[in-house]
Protein backbone atom coordinates (compact mmCIF):
# COMPACT_ATOMS: atom_id res chain seq x y z
CA UNK A 1 -178.38 54.85 -109.99
CA UNK A 2 -180.72 53.58 -112.81
CA UNK A 3 -180.22 54.00 -116.29
CA UNK A 4 -183.34 55.01 -118.07
CA UNK A 5 -183.41 54.64 -121.99
CA UNK A 6 -186.04 56.63 -124.36
CA UNK A 7 -186.21 53.62 -126.55
CA UNK A 8 -188.49 54.68 -129.46
CA UNK A 9 -185.92 55.02 -132.34
CA UNK A 10 -182.88 54.45 -130.11
CA UNK A 11 -180.09 52.85 -131.90
CA UNK A 12 -178.06 52.06 -128.69
CA UNK A 13 -180.58 50.07 -126.64
CA UNK A 14 -178.29 46.76 -126.82
CA UNK A 15 -175.06 48.75 -126.11
CA UNK A 16 -176.75 50.45 -123.14
CA UNK A 17 -178.11 47.26 -121.43
CA UNK A 18 -175.00 45.54 -122.09
CA UNK A 19 -172.92 48.43 -120.16
CA UNK A 20 -175.74 48.64 -117.48
CA UNK A 21 -175.56 44.77 -116.84
CA UNK A 22 -171.59 44.85 -116.70
CA UNK A 23 -171.65 47.38 -114.18
CA UNK A 24 -174.51 45.98 -112.30
CA UNK A 25 -176.76 49.20 -112.68
CA UNK A 26 -180.68 48.65 -113.06
CA UNK A 27 -181.74 49.37 -116.53
CA UNK A 28 -185.13 50.39 -117.62
CA UNK A 29 -186.26 50.62 -121.26
CA UNK A 30 -189.38 52.76 -121.90
CA UNK A 31 -191.22 52.71 -125.27
CA UNK A 32 -194.77 52.99 -126.58
CA UNK A 33 -197.30 50.34 -127.76
CA UNK A 34 -196.00 50.79 -131.19
CA UNK A 35 -192.34 49.92 -130.53
CA UNK A 36 -192.42 47.17 -127.90
CA UNK A 37 -188.80 46.74 -127.12
CA UNK A 38 -187.66 43.93 -124.54
CA UNK A 39 -184.19 42.89 -123.78
CA UNK A 40 -182.73 40.35 -121.31
CA UNK A 41 -181.33 42.28 -118.51
CA UNK A 42 -183.45 45.25 -118.41
CA UNK A 43 -186.92 45.99 -117.22
CA UNK A 44 -189.34 47.40 -120.07
CA UNK A 45 -192.11 49.74 -119.31
CA UNK A 46 -194.68 50.10 -122.25
CA UNK A 47 -196.88 53.27 -122.16
CA UNK A 48 -199.88 54.26 -124.42
CA UNK A 49 -199.20 55.95 -127.68
CA UNK A 50 -199.51 59.58 -127.48
CA UNK A 51 -197.56 62.72 -127.72
CA UNK A 52 -194.65 62.56 -125.43
CA UNK A 53 -196.23 59.82 -123.44
CA UNK A 54 -192.86 58.17 -123.00
CA UNK A 55 -191.26 61.22 -122.12
CA UNK A 56 -193.54 61.94 -119.17
CA UNK A 57 -193.20 58.29 -118.03
CA UNK A 58 -189.42 58.45 -118.00
CA UNK A 59 -189.14 61.90 -116.28
CA UNK A 60 -191.87 60.82 -113.69
CA UNK A 61 -189.60 57.89 -112.78
CA UNK A 62 -186.29 59.76 -112.85
CA UNK A 63 -184.33 60.71 -109.74
CA UNK A 64 -181.20 62.93 -109.26
CA UNK A 65 -178.14 60.94 -110.16
CA UNK A 66 -179.83 58.60 -112.67
CA UNK A 67 -178.88 58.56 -116.34
CA UNK A 68 -181.24 59.02 -119.28
CA UNK A 69 -180.47 58.21 -122.81
CA UNK A 70 -182.31 60.27 -125.36
CA UNK A 71 -182.11 62.23 -128.60
CA UNK A 72 -184.80 64.42 -127.63
CA UNK A 73 -183.75 67.81 -126.44
CA UNK A 74 -187.01 68.57 -124.71
CA UNK A 75 -186.77 65.49 -122.87
CA UNK A 76 -183.14 65.97 -122.10
CA UNK A 77 -184.12 69.41 -120.58
CA UNK A 78 -186.76 67.84 -118.30
CA UNK A 79 -184.16 65.30 -117.05
CA UNK A 80 -181.75 67.82 -116.47
CA UNK A 81 -184.13 69.84 -114.27
CA UNK A 82 -184.64 66.59 -112.27
CA UNK A 83 -180.73 66.50 -111.54
CA UNK A 84 -180.13 63.47 -113.94
CA UNK A 85 -177.10 63.11 -116.21
CA UNK A 86 -178.32 62.93 -119.79
CA UNK A 87 -176.56 61.37 -122.80
CA UNK A 88 -177.40 61.42 -126.52
CA UNK A 89 -176.86 58.46 -128.62
CA UNK A 90 -173.70 59.74 -130.21
CA UNK A 91 -172.01 60.24 -126.87
CA UNK A 92 -172.90 63.95 -126.51
CA UNK A 93 -173.64 64.65 -122.69
CA UNK A 94 -176.32 67.16 -122.49
CA UNK A 95 -175.64 69.66 -119.83
CA UNK A 96 -176.98 73.22 -118.47
CA UNK A 97 -174.30 74.62 -120.53
CA UNK A 98 -175.48 73.36 -123.92
CA UNK A 99 -179.19 72.40 -123.68
CA UNK A 100 -180.55 76.04 -124.28
CA UNK A 101 -178.64 76.46 -127.55
CA UNK A 102 -179.72 72.84 -128.74
CA UNK A 103 -183.40 73.76 -127.69
CA UNK A 104 -182.98 77.14 -129.88
CA UNK A 105 -181.60 75.18 -132.81
CA UNK A 106 -184.47 72.68 -132.55
CA UNK A 107 -186.96 75.67 -132.41
CA UNK A 108 -185.41 77.55 -135.59
CA UNK A 109 -185.28 74.21 -137.55
CA UNK A 110 -189.04 73.72 -136.81
CA UNK A 111 -189.71 77.42 -137.93
CA UNK A 112 -187.75 76.76 -141.22
CA UNK A 113 -189.84 73.52 -141.88
CA UNK A 114 -193.17 75.06 -141.10
CA UNK A 115 -192.39 77.92 -143.50
CA UNK A 116 -191.88 75.47 -146.30
CA UNK A 117 -188.07 75.32 -146.03
CA UNK A 118 -186.12 72.14 -146.27
CA UNK A 119 -183.31 70.77 -144.20
CA UNK A 120 -180.91 67.87 -144.75
CA UNK A 121 -181.63 64.94 -142.91
CA UNK A 122 -179.53 63.05 -140.59
CA UNK A 123 -176.53 61.19 -141.99
CA UNK A 124 -176.32 57.22 -141.56
CA UNK A 125 -175.10 56.33 -138.24
CA UNK A 126 -171.70 55.50 -137.95
CA UNK A 127 -169.74 52.67 -136.09
CA UNK A 128 -167.48 55.51 -134.47
CA UNK A 129 -170.78 57.12 -133.11
CA UNK A 130 -171.43 53.79 -131.39
CA UNK A 131 -167.90 53.68 -129.93
CA UNK A 132 -168.20 57.35 -128.71
CA UNK A 133 -171.47 56.49 -127.04
CA UNK A 134 -170.16 53.32 -125.27
CA UNK A 135 -167.01 55.52 -124.09
CA UNK A 136 -169.17 58.20 -122.78
CA UNK A 137 -171.47 55.95 -120.98
CA UNK A 138 -168.85 53.91 -119.41
CA UNK A 139 -167.13 57.06 -118.29
CA UNK A 140 -170.49 58.49 -116.80
CA UNK A 141 -171.13 55.06 -114.95
CA UNK A 142 -167.77 55.09 -113.49
CA UNK A 143 -167.65 58.62 -112.78
CA UNK A 144 -164.55 59.17 -114.84
CA UNK A 145 -166.05 62.28 -116.53
CA UNK A 146 -167.92 65.11 -114.57
CA UNK A 147 -169.00 68.30 -115.90
CA UNK A 148 -168.96 71.67 -113.95
């Protein structure tokens, strides 16, 4: 098992690296040249800037049983197709059961924005989301939570 972090805009890099090191699991941070993120105890892979360059670099390194950390629904879907477990930064595990609805919601929001509509932005990140993420990742690493 390896933990891969889609690190561009990821608020839980430190928490992920800490938990990976605690459980002696390799951790790989992927980012582009405009977000060079390095942490002790993790390998960093920096790819060229470009649409989805980090996403494709991550998916190409991923194997069944690995864990990916991302807030990108499209990347999550590709990771699920490779047999990985995928976790959002608030502790939500992406699954075959919820990914289609999430992708549809993203598509609908994009259509609203393209037609001139406005949507509310994300609320400020809470400490509770950090705790939820840490609990979910710990459970995923230790095998305490499994999905059907």
